[in-house]
C-alpha atoms as a PDB file:
ATOM      1  CA  MET A   1      88.893 124.137  58.766  1.00  0.00           C
ATOM      2  CA  LYS A   2      92.525 123.609  57.796  1.00  0.00           C
ATOM      3  CA  GLN A   3      92.669 120.439  59.929  1.00  0.00           C
ATOM      4  CA  SER A   4      89.496 119.126  58.245  1.00  0.00           C
ATOM      5  CA  VAL A   5      91.004 119.651  54.791  1.00  0.00           C
ATOM      6  CA  THR A   6      94.226 117.947  55.895  1.00  0.00           C
ATOM      7  CA  ASN A   7      92.319 114.934  57.264  1.00  0.00           C
ATOM      8  CA  ALA A   8      90.311 114.638  54.039  1.00  0.00           C
ATOM      9  CA  SER A   9      93.522 114.749  52.007  1.00  0.00           C
ATOM     10  CA  GLU A  10      95.106 112.054  54.198  1.00  0.00           C
ATOM     11  CA  ARG A  11      92.043 109.810  53.858  1.00  0.00           C
ATOM     12  CA  ARG A  12      92.103 110.170  50.081  1.00  0.00           C
ATOM     13  CA  THR A  13      95.830 109.347  50.002  1.00  0.00           C
ATOM     14  CA  ASN A  14      95.265 106.278  52.202  1.00  0.00           C
ATOM     15  CA  MET A  15      92.380 105.132  49.997  1.00  0.00           C
ATOM     16  CA  LEU A  16      94.459 105.550  46.839  1.00  0.00           C
ATOM     17  CA  ASP A  17      97.424 103.681  48.360  1.00  0.00           C
ATOM     18  CA  PHE A  18      95.120 100.796  49.226  1.00  0.00           C
ATOM     19  CA  LEU A  19      93.411 100.745  45.823  1.00  0.00           C
ATOM     20  CA  LYS A  20      96.803 100.588  44.140  1.00  0.00           C
ATOM     21  CA  THR A  21      97.486  97.335  46.000  1.00  0.00           C
ATOM     22  CA  VAL A  22      94.313  95.946  44.364  1.00  0.00           C
ATOM     23  CA  PHE A  23      94.319  97.540  40.896  1.00  0.00           C
ATOM     24  CA  GLY A  24      97.968  98.520  40.432  1.00  0.00           C
ATOM     25  CA  ASP A  25      99.400 101.962  39.677  1.00  0.00           C
ATOM     26  CA  CYS A  26      96.982 102.544  36.800  1.00  0.00           C
ATOM     27  CA  ILE A  27      94.252 103.830  39.138  1.00  0.00           C
ATOM     28  CA  GLY A  28      93.810 107.472  40.110  1.00  0.00           C
ATOM     29  CA  VAL A  29      91.445 109.618  42.145  1.00  0.00           C
ATOM     30  CA  SER A  30      90.265 113.180  41.515  1.00  0.00           C
ATOM     31  CA  GLU A  31      87.493 115.620  42.395  1.00  0.00           C
ATOM     32  CA  TYR A  32      84.181 115.348  40.559  1.00  0.00           C
ATOM     33  CA  SER A  33      81.438 117.939  40.087  1.00  0.00           C
ATOM     34  CA  PHE A  34      77.772 117.260  40.692  1.00  0.00           C
ATOM     35  CA  PRO A  35      75.672 116.896  37.511  1.00  0.00           C
ATOM     36  CA  ASP A  36      73.269 119.798  36.896  1.00  0.00           C
ATOM     37  CA  LYS A  37      70.175 117.772  37.805  1.00  0.00           C
ATOM     38  CA  THR A  38      71.535 116.612  41.175  1.00  0.00           C
ATOM     39  CA  PRO A  39      68.919 117.054  43.961  1.00  0.00           C
ATOM     40  CA  VAL A  40      69.792 119.443  46.783  1.00  0.00           C
ATOM     41  CA  TYR A  41      69.675 116.675  49.413  1.00  0.00           C
ATOM     42  CA  ILE A  42      72.448 114.807  47.584  1.00  0.00           C
ATOM     43  CA  ARG A  43      74.546 117.963  47.054  1.00  0.00           C
ATOM     44  CA  ASP A  44      74.256 118.779  50.764  1.00  0.00           C
ATOM     45  CA  GLY A  45      74.651 115.235  52.023  1.00  0.00           C
ATOM     46  CA  TYR A  46      77.558 113.870  50.002  1.00  0.00           C
ATOM     47  CA  LYS A  47      81.049 114.587  48.709  1.00  0.00           C
ATOM     48  CA  LEU A  48      82.057 113.262  45.295  1.00  0.00           C
ATOM     49  CA  GLN A  49      85.293 111.749  43.999  1.00  0.00           C
ATOM     50  CA  GLN A  50      86.101 110.110  40.710  1.00  0.00           C
ATOM     51  CA  LEU A  51      88.122 106.928  40.343  1.00  0.00           C
ATOM     52  CA  ILE A  52      89.703 106.143  36.980  1.00  0.00           C
ATOM     53  CA  TRP A  53      91.161 102.710  36.285  1.00  0.00           C
ATOM     54  CA  ASN A  54      92.539 101.958  32.807  1.00  0.00           C
ATOM     55  CA  ASN A  55      90.429 104.827  31.427  1.00  0.00           C
ATOM     56  CA  ASN A  56      87.308 103.407  33.114  1.00  0.00           C
ATOM     57  CA  PRO A  57      85.757 106.027  35.435  1.00  0.00           C
ATOM     58  CA  CYS A  58      83.412 105.593  38.375  1.00  0.00           C
ATOM     59  CA  VAL A  59      82.048 108.102  40.873  1.00  0.00           C
ATOM     60  CA  LEU A  60      82.256 107.650  44.657  1.00  0.00           C
ATOM     61  CA  LEU A  61      79.620 109.199  46.928  1.00  0.00           C
ATOM     62  CA  SER A  62      80.834 109.783  50.480  1.00  0.00           C
ATOM     63  CA  PRO A  63      78.344 110.826  53.230  1.00  0.00           C
ATOM     64  CA  ARG A  64      79.304 114.116  54.882  1.00  0.00           C
ATOM     65  CA  THR A  65      78.271 112.923  58.365  1.00  0.00           C
ATOM     66  CA  ALA A  66      78.961 109.779  60.378  1.00  0.00           C
ATOM     67  CA  SER A  67      75.282 109.363  61.300  1.00  0.00           C
ATOM     68  CA  TRP A  68      74.285 107.810  57.992  1.00  0.00           C
ATOM     69  CA  ARG A  69      71.675 105.046  57.688  1.00  0.00           C
ATOM     70  CA  LEU A  70      72.099 102.228  55.211  1.00  0.00           C
ATOM     71  CA  PRO A  71      68.547 102.254  53.723  1.00  0.00           C
ATOM     72  CA  THR A  72      68.887 105.976  52.952  1.00  0.00           C
ATOM     73  CA  LEU A  73      72.314 105.555  51.355  1.00  0.00           C
ATOM     74  CA  LYS A  74      71.105 102.746  49.117  1.00  0.00           C
ATOM     75  CA  LYS A  75      68.084 104.719  47.933  1.00  0.00           C
ATOM     76  CA  GLN A  76      70.028 107.916  47.300  1.00  0.00           C
ATOM     77  CA  LEU A  77      72.830 106.103  45.456  1.00  0.00           C
ATOM     78  CA  LYS A  78      70.200 104.637  43.135  1.00  0.00           C
ATOM     79  CA  ASN A  79      68.706 108.099  42.555  1.00  0.00           C
ATOM     80  CA  PHE A  80      72.112 109.591  41.793  1.00  0.00           C
ATOM     81  CA  GLN A  81      73.038 106.750  39.439  1.00  0.00           C
ATOM     82  CA  GLU A  82      70.044 107.664  37.267  1.00  0.00           C
ATOM     83  CA  ILE A  83      71.505 111.115  36.516  1.00  0.00           C
ATOM     84  CA  CYS A  84      75.215 110.225  36.440  1.00  0.00           C
ATOM     85  CA  GLU A  85      76.838 109.075  33.204  1.00  0.00           C
ATOM     86  CA  PHE A  86      79.369 106.846  34.998  1.00  0.00           C
ATOM     87  CA  PRO A  87      78.979 103.831  37.320  1.00  0.00           C
ATOM     88  CA  CYS A  88      78.558 104.943  40.945  1.00  0.00           C
ATOM     89  CA  ALA A  89      79.588 103.494  44.309  1.00  0.00           C
ATOM     90  CA  LEU A  90      79.513 104.462  47.975  1.00  0.00           C
ATOM     91  CA  TYR A  91      82.666 105.394  49.881  1.00  0.00           C
ATOM     92  CA  LEU A  92      82.078 104.582  53.557  1.00  0.00           C
ATOM     93  CA  GLU A  93      83.973 104.914  56.819  1.00  0.00           C
ATOM     94  CA  GLY A  94      83.224 102.825  59.894  1.00  0.00           C
ATOM     95  CA  MET A  95      81.393 100.028  58.067  1.00  0.00           C
ATOM     96  CA  THR A  96      80.465  96.911  60.045  1.00  0.00           C
ATOM     97  CA  ALA A  97      80.394  93.304  58.846  1.00  0.00           C
ATOM     98  CA  PRO A  98      76.536  93.158  58.732  1.00  0.00           C
ATOM     99  CA  GLN A  99      76.454  96.389  56.705  1.00  0.00           C
ATOM    100  CA  ARG A 100      79.020  95.010  54.273  1.00  0.00           C
ATOM    101  CA  ARG A 101      76.996  91.812  53.896  1.00  0.00           C
ATOM    102  CA  ASN A 102      73.786  93.755  53.249  1.00  0.00           C
ATOM    103  CA  LEU A 103      75.397  95.890  50.539  1.00  0.00           C
ATOM    104  CA  ILE A 104      76.774  92.850  48.737  1.00  0.00           C
ATOM    105  CA  GLU A 105      73.453  90.987  48.943  1.00  0.00           C
ATOM    106  CA  ASN A 106      71.756  94.012  47.361  1.00  0.00           C
ATOM    107  CA  ASN A 107      74.497  94.425  44.748  1.00  0.00           C
ATOM    108  CA  ILE A 108      75.407  97.929  45.987  1.00  0.00           C
ATOM    109  CA  PRO A 109      78.969  98.889  44.917  1.00  0.00           C
ATOM    110  CA  PHE A 110      81.199 100.327  47.636  1.00  0.00           C
ATOM    111  CA  VAL A 111      84.708 101.150  48.757  1.00  0.00           C
ATOM    112  CA  SER A 112      85.374 101.118  52.498  1.00  0.00           C
ATOM    113  CA  SER A 113      88.083 102.853  54.503  1.00  0.00           C
ATOM    114  CA  SER A 114      88.580  99.503  56.276  1.00  0.00           C
ATOM    115  CA  GLN A 115      90.152  98.161  53.070  1.00  0.00           C
ATOM    116  CA  GLN A 116      87.220  96.499  51.362  1.00  0.00           C
ATOM    117  CA  VAL A 117      86.131  96.925  47.764  1.00  0.00           C
ATOM    118  CA  TYR A 118      83.042  95.739  45.934  1.00  0.00           C
ATOM    119  CA  LEU A 119      82.917  97.197  42.421  1.00  0.00           C
ATOM    120  CA  PRO A 120      81.076  94.597  40.314  1.00  0.00           C
ATOM    121  CA  PHE A 121      81.145  96.819  37.207  1.00  0.00           C
ATOM    122  CA  TRP A 122      84.956  96.438  37.315  1.00  0.00           C
ATOM    123  CA  GLY A 123      84.732  92.758  38.234  1.00  0.00           C
ATOM    124  CA  CYS A 124      86.292  93.382  41.644  1.00  0.00           C
ATOM    125  CA  SER A 125      85.508  91.997  45.087  1.00  0.00           C
ATOM    126  CA  PHE A 126      88.266  92.387  47.654  1.00  0.00           C
ATOM    127  CA  PHE A 127      87.716  92.117  51.388  1.00  0.00           C
ATOM    128  CA  GLU A 128      89.969  92.281  54.381  1.00  0.00           C
ATOM    129  CA  LYS A 129      88.801  89.281  56.386  1.00  0.00           C
ATOM    130  CA  PHE A 130      86.759  90.096  59.456  1.00  0.00           C
ATOM    131  CA  LYS A 131      88.327  88.035  62.216  1.00  0.00           C
ATOM    132  CA  VAL A 132      85.244  88.544  64.365  1.00  0.00           C
ATOM    133  CA  ASP A 133      82.277  87.568  62.249  1.00  0.00           C
ATOM    134  CA  ALA A 134      80.713  85.827  65.252  1.00  0.00           C
ATOM    135  CA  PRO A 135      78.141  87.876  67.190  1.00  0.00           C
ATOM    136  CA  VAL A 136      79.814  90.657  69.159  1.00  0.00           C
ATOM    137  CA  ALA A 137      79.459  90.187  72.926  1.00  0.00           C
ATOM    138  CA  ASP A 138      76.948  92.409  74.738  1.00  0.00           C
ATOM    139  CA  LYS A 139      79.722  93.825  76.927  1.00  0.00           C
ATOM    140  CA  MET A 140      83.360  94.490  76.132  1.00  0.00           C
ATOM    141  CA  ALA A 141      86.117  92.392  77.645  1.00  0.00           C
ATOM    142  CA  PRO A 142      88.359  94.411  80.018  1.00  0.00           C
ATOM    143  CA  GLY A 143      91.143  94.655  77.420  1.00  0.00           C
ATOM    144  CA  THR A 144      88.694  95.839  74.758  1.00  0.00           C
ATOM    145  CA  GLN A 145      87.197  98.441  77.095  1.00  0.00           C
ATOM    146  CA  LEU A 146      90.694  99.641  77.928  1.00  0.00           C
ATOM    147  CA  VAL A 147      91.561 100.141  74.243  1.00  0.00           C
ATOM    148  CA  PHE A 148      88.191 101.834  73.619  1.00  0.00           C
ATOM    149  CA  LEU A 149      88.818 104.323  76.437  1.00  0.00           C
ATOM    150  CA  TYR A 150      92.413 104.845  75.330  1.00  0.00           C
ATOM    151  CA  LEU A 151      91.239 105.934  71.882  1.00  0.00           C
ATOM    152  CA  TYR A 152      88.582 108.166  73.450  1.00  0.00           C
ATOM    153  CA  TYR A 153      90.981 109.931  75.789  1.00  0.00           C
ATOM    154  CA  LEU A 154      93.792 110.199  73.238  1.00  0.00           C
ATOM    155  CA  GLU A 155      94.655 113.905  73.000  1.00  0.00           C
ATOM    156  CA  ASN A 156      96.209 113.529  69.576  1.00  0.00           C
ATOM    157  CA  THR A 157      93.259 112.464  67.442  1.00  0.00           C
ATOM    158  CA  GLY A 158      95.606 111.133  64.767  1.00  0.00           C
ATOM    159  CA  LYS A 159      96.289 107.501  64.044  1.00  0.00           C
ATOM    160  CA  VAL A 160      98.053 105.009  66.316  1.00  0.00           C
ATOM    161  CA  ASN A 161      99.159 101.453  65.699  1.00  0.00           C
ATOM    162  CA  LEU A 162      98.825  98.224  67.645  1.00  0.00           C
ATOM    163  CA  THR A 163     102.355  98.372  69.067  1.00  0.00           C
ATOM    164  CA  GLN A 164     101.829 101.886  70.445  1.00  0.00           C
ATOM    165  CA  ILE A 165      98.541 100.919  72.065  1.00  0.00           C
ATOM    166  CA  ALA A 166      99.950  97.718  73.568  1.00  0.00           C
ATOM    167  CA  ASN A 167     102.953  99.584  75.010  1.00  0.00           C
ATOM    168  CA  ASP A 168     100.928 102.482  76.425  1.00  0.00           C
ATOM    169  CA  LEU A 169      98.369 100.183  78.062  1.00  0.00           C
ATOM    170  CA  GLN A 170     100.844  97.470  79.100  1.00  0.00           C
ATOM    171  CA  LEU A 171      98.795  94.867  77.236  1.00  0.00           C
ATOM    172  CA  SER A 172     100.063  91.854  75.359  1.00  0.00           C
ATOM    173  CA  LYS A 173      99.840  92.211  71.591  1.00  0.00           C
ATOM    174  CA  ALA A 174      97.447  89.246  71.505  1.00  0.00           C
ATOM    175  CA  THR A 175      95.027  90.972  73.917  1.00  0.00           C
ATOM    176  CA  CYS A 176      95.373  94.235  72.032  1.00  0.00           C
ATOM    177  CA  ASN A 177      94.741  92.512  68.712  1.00  0.00           C
ATOM    178  CA  ARG A 178      91.552  90.866  70.051  1.00  0.00           C
ATOM    179  CA  ALA A 179      90.367  94.255  71.280  1.00  0.00           C
ATOM    180  CA  ILE A 180      91.010  95.892  67.913  1.00  0.00           C
ATOM    181  CA  ASN A 181      89.187  93.091  66.081  1.00  0.00           C
ATOM    182  CA  ASP A 182      86.189  93.508  68.390  1.00  0.00           C
ATOM    183  CA  LEU A 183      86.041  97.295  67.962  1.00  0.00           C
ATOM    184  CA  ALA A 184      86.458  96.993  64.191  1.00  0.00           C
ATOM    185  CA  ALA A 185      83.733  94.340  63.918  1.00  0.00           C
ATOM    186  CA  CYS A 186      81.161  96.645  65.503  1.00  0.00           C
ATOM    187  CA  GLY A 187      82.265  99.654  63.457  1.00  0.00           C
ATOM    188  CA  LEU A 188      83.790 101.743  66.255  1.00  0.00           C
ATOM    189  CA  ILE A 189      87.259 101.999  64.725  1.00  0.00           C
ATOM    190  CA  GLU A 190      88.827 102.129  61.281  1.00  0.00           C
ATOM    191  CA  GLN A 191      92.058 100.500  60.141  1.00  0.00           C
ATOM    192  CA  HIS A 192      94.338 101.710  57.367  1.00  0.00           C
ATOM    193  CA  ALA A 193      97.333  99.697  56.196  1.00  0.00           C
ATOM    194  CA  GLU A 194     100.574 101.384  55.177  1.00  0.00           C
ATOM    195  CA  GLY A 195     102.993  98.666  54.239  1.00  0.00           C
ATOM    196  CA  ARG A 196     103.170  96.300  57.194  1.00  0.00           C
ATOM    197  CA  ILE A 197     101.821  98.842  59.667  1.00  0.00           C
ATOM    198  CA  LYS A 198      98.101  98.991  60.377  1.00  0.00           C
ATOM    199  CA  TRP A 199      96.971 102.396  61.649  1.00  0.00           C
ATOM    200  CA  ILE A 200      93.934 102.646  63.906  1.00  0.00           C
ATOM    201  CA  THR A 201      91.565 105.591  64.363  1.00  0.00           C
ATOM    202  CA  PRO A 202      88.085 106.011  65.907  1.00  0.00           C
ATOM    203  CA  ALA A 203      85.358 105.819  63.262  1.00  0.00           C
ATOM    204  CA  TYR A 204      83.534 108.812  64.790  1.00  0.00           C
ATOM    205  CA  GLU A 205      84.310 112.137  66.414  1.00  0.00           C
ATOM    206  CA  LYS A 206      84.700 111.938  70.204  1.00  0.00           C
ATOM    207  CA  PRO A 207      81.131 112.533  71.472  1.00  0.00           C
ATOM    208  CA  GLU A 208      79.606 110.200  68.882  1.00  0.00           C
ATOM    209  CA  TYR A 209      82.339 107.576  69.379  1.00  0.00           C
ATOM    210  CA  LEU A 210      81.578 107.392  73.106  1.00  0.00           C
ATOM    211  CA  LYS A 211      77.807 107.297  72.553  1.00  0.00           C
ATOM    212  CA  LYS A 212      78.103 104.484  70.011  1.00  0.00           C
ATOM    213  CA  GLY A 213      80.168 102.298  72.342  1.00  0.00           C
ATOM    214  CA  PHE A 214      78.762 103.236  75.757  1.00  0.00           C
ATOM    215  CA  ALA A 215      76.089 100.517  75.928  1.00  0.00           C
ATOM    216  CA  ARG A 216      78.823  97.864  75.714  1.00  0.00           C
ATOM    217  CA  LEU A 217      80.911  99.328  78.547  1.00  0.00           C
ATOM    218  CA  LYS A 218      80.638  97.895  82.051  1.00  0.00           C
ATOM    219  CA  SER A 219      81.757  98.786  85.539  1.00  0.00           C
ATOM    220  CA  PRO A 220      85.469  98.100  86.022  1.00  0.00           C
ATOM    221  CA  VAL A 221      84.884  97.204  89.696  1.00  0.00           C
ATOM    222  CA  GLU A 222      85.244  93.449  90.224  1.00  0.00           C
ATOM    223  CA  ARG A 223      85.156  93.344  94.015  1.00  0.00           C
ATOM    224  CA  TYR A 224      85.718  95.378  97.178  1.00  0.00           C
ATOM    225  CA  ILE A 225      88.392  94.958  99.838  1.00  0.00           C
ATOM    226  CA  TYR A 226      88.036  96.566 103.260  1.00  0.00           C
ATOM    227  CA  ILE A 227      91.274  97.564 104.954  1.00  0.00           C
ATOM    228  CA  LYS A 228      92.343  99.096 108.258  1.00  0.00           C
ATOM    229  CA  THR A 229      94.743 101.692 106.879  1.00  0.00           C
ATOM    230  CA  PRO A 230      94.261 104.584 104.433  1.00  0.00           C
ATOM    231  CA  ALA A 231      94.960 104.098 100.731  1.00  0.00           C
ATOM    232  CA  GLU A 232      98.525 104.152  99.462  1.00  0.00           C
ATOM    233  CA  PRO A 233      99.590 107.480  97.859  1.00  0.00           C
ATOM    234  CA  GLY A 234      99.616 106.002  94.348  1.00  0.00           C
ATOM    235  CA  TRP A 235      96.053 104.676  94.506  1.00  0.00           C
ATOM    236  CA  PRO A 236      93.622 107.071  92.777  1.00  0.00           C
ATOM    237  CA  LYS A 237      90.395 108.062  94.483  1.00  0.00           C
ATOM    238  CA  SER A 238      87.255 106.409  93.140  1.00  0.00           C
ATOM    239  CA  GLY A 239      83.627 105.920  94.116  1.00  0.00           C
ATOM    240  CA  LEU A 240      81.949 108.695  96.116  1.00  0.00           C
ATOM    241  CA  LEU A 241      85.268 110.248  97.101  1.00  0.00           C
ATOM    242  CA  ALA A 242      86.114 110.832  93.449  1.00  0.00           C
ATOM    243  CA  LEU A 243      82.586 111.995  92.601  1.00  0.00           C
ATOM    244  CA  ALA A 244      82.685 114.489  95.487  1.00  0.00           C
ATOM    245  CA  ASP A 245      85.754 116.098  93.894  1.00  0.00           C
ATOM    246  CA  ILE A 246      83.893 117.001  90.710  1.00  0.00           C
ATOM    247  CA  SER A 247      80.295 117.515  91.866  1.00  0.00           C
ATOM    248  CA  MET A 248      78.174 118.739  94.781  1.00  0.00           C
ATOM    249  CA  VAL A 249      77.905 115.207  96.199  1.00  0.00           C
ATOM    250  CA  GLY A 250      79.207 115.047  99.753  1.00  0.00           C
ATOM    251  CA  ALA A 251      81.442 112.224 100.993  1.00  0.00           C
ATOM    252  CA  ASP A 252      83.594 111.482 104.019  1.00  0.00           C
ATOM    253  CA  GLU A 253      86.785 109.443 104.075  1.00  0.00           C
ATOM    254  CA  HIS A 254      84.907 106.243 104.903  1.00  0.00           C
ATOM    255  CA  ASP A 255      82.593 106.590 101.899  1.00  0.00           C
ATOM    256  CA  GLY A 256      85.500 105.448  99.756  1.00  0.00           C
ATOM    257  CA  ALA A 257      87.043 104.394  97.799  1.00  0.00           C
ATOM    258  CA  ALA A 258      90.479 103.997  96.274  1.00  0.00           C
ATOM    259  CA  ALA A 259      90.980 101.902  93.154  1.00  0.00           C
ATOM    260  CA  ILE A 260      93.685  99.343  92.400  1.00  0.00           C
ATOM    261  CA  CYS A 261      94.227  96.637  89.808  1.00  0.00           C
ATOM    262  CA  LYS A 262      94.126  92.923  90.617  1.00  0.00           C
ATOM    263  CA  LYS A 263      97.906  92.666  90.603  1.00  0.00           C
ATOM    264  CA  ASP A 264      98.262  95.378  93.257  1.00  0.00           C
ATOM    265  CA  SER A 265      95.477  93.898  95.378  1.00  0.00           C
ATOM    266  CA  ALA A 266      97.585  90.776  95.838  1.00  0.00           C
ATOM    267  CA  GLY A 267     100.189  92.909  97.609  1.00  0.00           C
ATOM    268  CA  ILE A 268      97.907  94.058 100.436  1.00  0.00           C
ATOM    269  CA  PRO A 269      99.034  92.355 103.683  1.00  0.00           C
ATOM    270  CA  THR A 270      96.523  89.841 104.988  1.00  0.00           C
ATOM    271  CA  ASN A 271      96.555  91.390 108.460  1.00  0.00           C
ATOM    272  CA  ALA A 272      95.481  94.747 106.952  1.00  0.00           C
ATOM    273  CA  ILE A 273      92.274  93.296 105.484  1.00  0.00           C
ATOM    274  CA  ILE A 274      89.043  93.271 107.487  1.00  0.00           C
ATOM    275  CA  SER A 275      85.569  91.889 106.794  1.00  0.00           C
ATOM    276  CA  LYS A 276      82.695  94.024 105.554  1.00  0.00           C
ATOM    277  CA  ARG A 277      80.986  93.513 108.941  1.00  0.00           C
ATOM    278  CA  GLU A 278      84.060  94.801 110.785  1.00  0.00           C
ATOM    279  CA  PHE A 279      84.168  97.777 108.419  1.00  0.00           C
ATOM    280  CA  GLU A 280      80.505  98.575 109.114  1.00  0.00           C
ATOM    281  CA  ASP A 281      80.958  98.211 112.891  1.00  0.00           C
ATOM    282  CA  PHE A 282      84.345  99.830 113.435  1.00  0.00           C
ATOM    283  CA  GLY A 283      85.191 101.737 110.256  1.00  0.00           C
ATOM    284  CA  GLY A 284      88.058 101.397 107.833  1.00  0.00           C
ATOM    285  CA  TYR A 285      88.721 102.117 104.181  1.00  0.00           C
ATOM    286  CA  VAL A 286      87.111 100.764 101.016  1.00  0.00           C
ATOM    287  CA  THR A 287      89.299  99.622  98.142  1.00  0.00           C
ATOM    288  CA  GLU A 288      87.901  98.793  94.710  1.00  0.00           C
ATOM    289  CA  VAL A 289      89.666  96.058  92.757  1.00  0.00           C
ATOM    290  CA  TRP A 290      89.389  96.882  89.053  1.00  0.00           C
ATOM    291  CA  SER A 291      89.516  94.669  85.977  1.00  0.00           C
ATOM    292  CA  TYR A 292      92.062  97.058  84.435  1.00  0.00           C
ATOM    293  CA  ASP A 293      94.678  99.410  85.853  1.00  0.00           C
ATOM    294  CA  PRO A 294      92.876 102.551  87.141  1.00  0.00           C
ATOM    295  CA  THR A 295      96.093 104.580  87.103  1.00  0.00           C
ATOM    296  CA  LEU A 296      96.309 104.483  83.289  1.00  0.00           C
ATOM    297  CA  PHE A 297      93.703 107.224  82.838  1.00  0.00           C
ATOM    298  CA  ALA A 298      93.749 108.731  86.346  1.00  0.00           C
ATOM    299  CA  ASP A 299      93.713 112.524  86.468  1.00  0.00           C
ATOM    300  CA  GLY A 300      94.240 114.802  89.449  1.00  0.00           C
ATOM    301  CA  GLY A 301      94.542 111.894  91.859  1.00  0.00           C
ATOM    302  CA  ARG A 302      91.198 110.352  90.906  1.00  0.00           C
ATOM    303  CA  VAL A 303      90.011 107.776  88.387  1.00  0.00           C
ATOM    304  CA  ASP A 304      88.868 108.829  84.932  1.00  0.00           C
ATOM    305  CA  ASP A 305      85.370 110.191  84.358  1.00  0.00           C
ATOM    306  CA  ILE A 306      83.937 107.395  82.231  1.00  0.00           C
ATOM    307  CA  SER A 307      85.157 104.569  84.478  1.00  0.00           C
ATOM    308  CA  LEU A 308      83.809 106.453  87.506  1.00  0.00           C
ATOM    309  CA  LEU A 309      80.458 106.892  85.772  1.00  0.00           C
ATOM    310  CA  LEU A 310      80.319 103.178  84.955  1.00  0.00           C
ATOM    311  CA  SER A 311      81.182 102.173  88.521  1.00  0.00           C
ATOM    312  CA  LEU A 312      78.262 104.169  89.966  1.00  0.00           C
ATOM    313  CA  ASN A 313      75.875 104.156  87.013  1.00  0.00           C
ATOM    314  CA  ASN A 314      73.423 101.645  88.516  1.00  0.00           C
ATOM    315  CA  SER A 315      73.164 103.352  91.899  1.00  0.00           C
ATOM    316  CA  SER A 316      69.593 103.998  93.045  1.00  0.00           C
ATOM    317  CA  ASN A 317      70.732 107.016  95.086  1.00  0.00           C
ATOM    318  CA  GLU A 318      69.292 110.159  93.510  1.00  0.00           C
ATOM    319  CA  ARG A 319      72.057 112.463  94.753  1.00  0.00           C
ATOM    320  CA  ILE A 320      74.676 110.173  93.215  1.00  0.00           C
ATOM    321  CA  GLN A 321      72.832 110.210  89.889  1.00  0.00           C
ATOM    322  CA  MET A 322      72.678 114.008  90.016  1.00  0.00           C
ATOM    323  CA  GLY A 323      76.430 114.080  90.552  1.00  0.00           C
ATOM    324  CA  LEU A 324      76.941 111.677  87.661  1.00  0.00           C
ATOM    325  CA  ASP A 325      74.850 113.955  85.445  1.00  0.00           C
ATOM    326  CA  GLU A 326      77.750 116.406  85.518  1.00  0.00           C
ATOM    327  CA  ILE A 327      79.979 113.736  83.961  1.00  0.00           C
ATOM    328  CA  ARG A 328      77.283 112.866  81.419  1.00  0.00           C
ATOM    329  CA  GLU A 329      76.909 116.503  80.396  1.00  0.00           C
ATOM    330  CA  LYS A 330      80.663 117.018  80.179  1.00  0.00           C
ATOM    331  CA  HIS A 331      81.038 114.089  77.792  1.00  0.00           C
ATOM    332  CA  GLN A 332      77.744 114.725  75.926  1.00  0.00           C
ATOM    333  CA  LEU A 333      76.086 111.515  77.101  1.00  0.00           C
ATOM    334  CA  PRO A 334      72.297 111.347  77.634  1.00  0.00           C
ATOM    335  CA  ILE A 335      71.001 112.234  81.089  1.00  0.00           C
ATOM    336  CA  LYS A 336      69.448 109.067  82.537  1.00  0.00           C
ATOM    337  CA  ASP A 337      65.895 110.408  82.853  1.00  0.00           C
ATOM    338  CA  GLU A 338      66.070 111.659  79.265  1.00  0.00           C
ATOM    339  CA  GLU A 339      67.255 108.376  77.717  1.00  0.00           C
END
């Protein structure tokens, strides 16, 4: 409870700091009580704050949950405005570009945690430019998926900045910036500016964050290499070998595999590589070449859960799917037959 109050206080401070860059120091924020005639569904579903700028007040309605739907918000804001003596606006976190566009087209006032303001009763429209207004790709690029997983696995659920992410993932700042723009455009992350630093946080709590982005994730496995010798000590287990570690699925050493990144695959001696036919006839070891470094999230000598799930997700083998169900349950993802 204490952490929740602290986070709410930080969000309000961040919002006020941003609004001061738009309106100057003459704007303030405070608590606001529900009018007597407020319906129960609005009392239960929203938190209220009051903004005052040059003695001009307005009331912000903030949904209590992240699973809000735009048509409902618009209708309930209109209902609340009828009983409130001051102009009203929505305060939203995790807003996407299409949602922003829809609110403006319908003349719905709002303030967004992603540093956007539309308060027509104060004559204000201020938007942080969406760098990715083009349609978001069906699947994430490898760098984007890497940043998405980084934010999911981050133990400290506080904010991080682009430099930290780029350093931790060994990505160029350009790649990291593209990933952040992509995730922001589809509403998966929020950005808060403090001076020249832009802080980044997931727009949802962990289970919901993963569910919202999962459909855009893809298998990290780009190709397979078959080799004569066992995997190097630093290569994490993947495939059935990794799944066998965390489920009842059985696997032998030839079921494979170990995972490496493209850079490391280039270091495998040519005379150690065999064809798939040779592997099937005489045995050997399977190595998966990944689109990102599998060691970044490896745990206990095996690849991370979500990447493992993605690599085997399309398998038609029922026992493999039953093993993957344990990962799905652990991370609160839908079981395949229940989707």
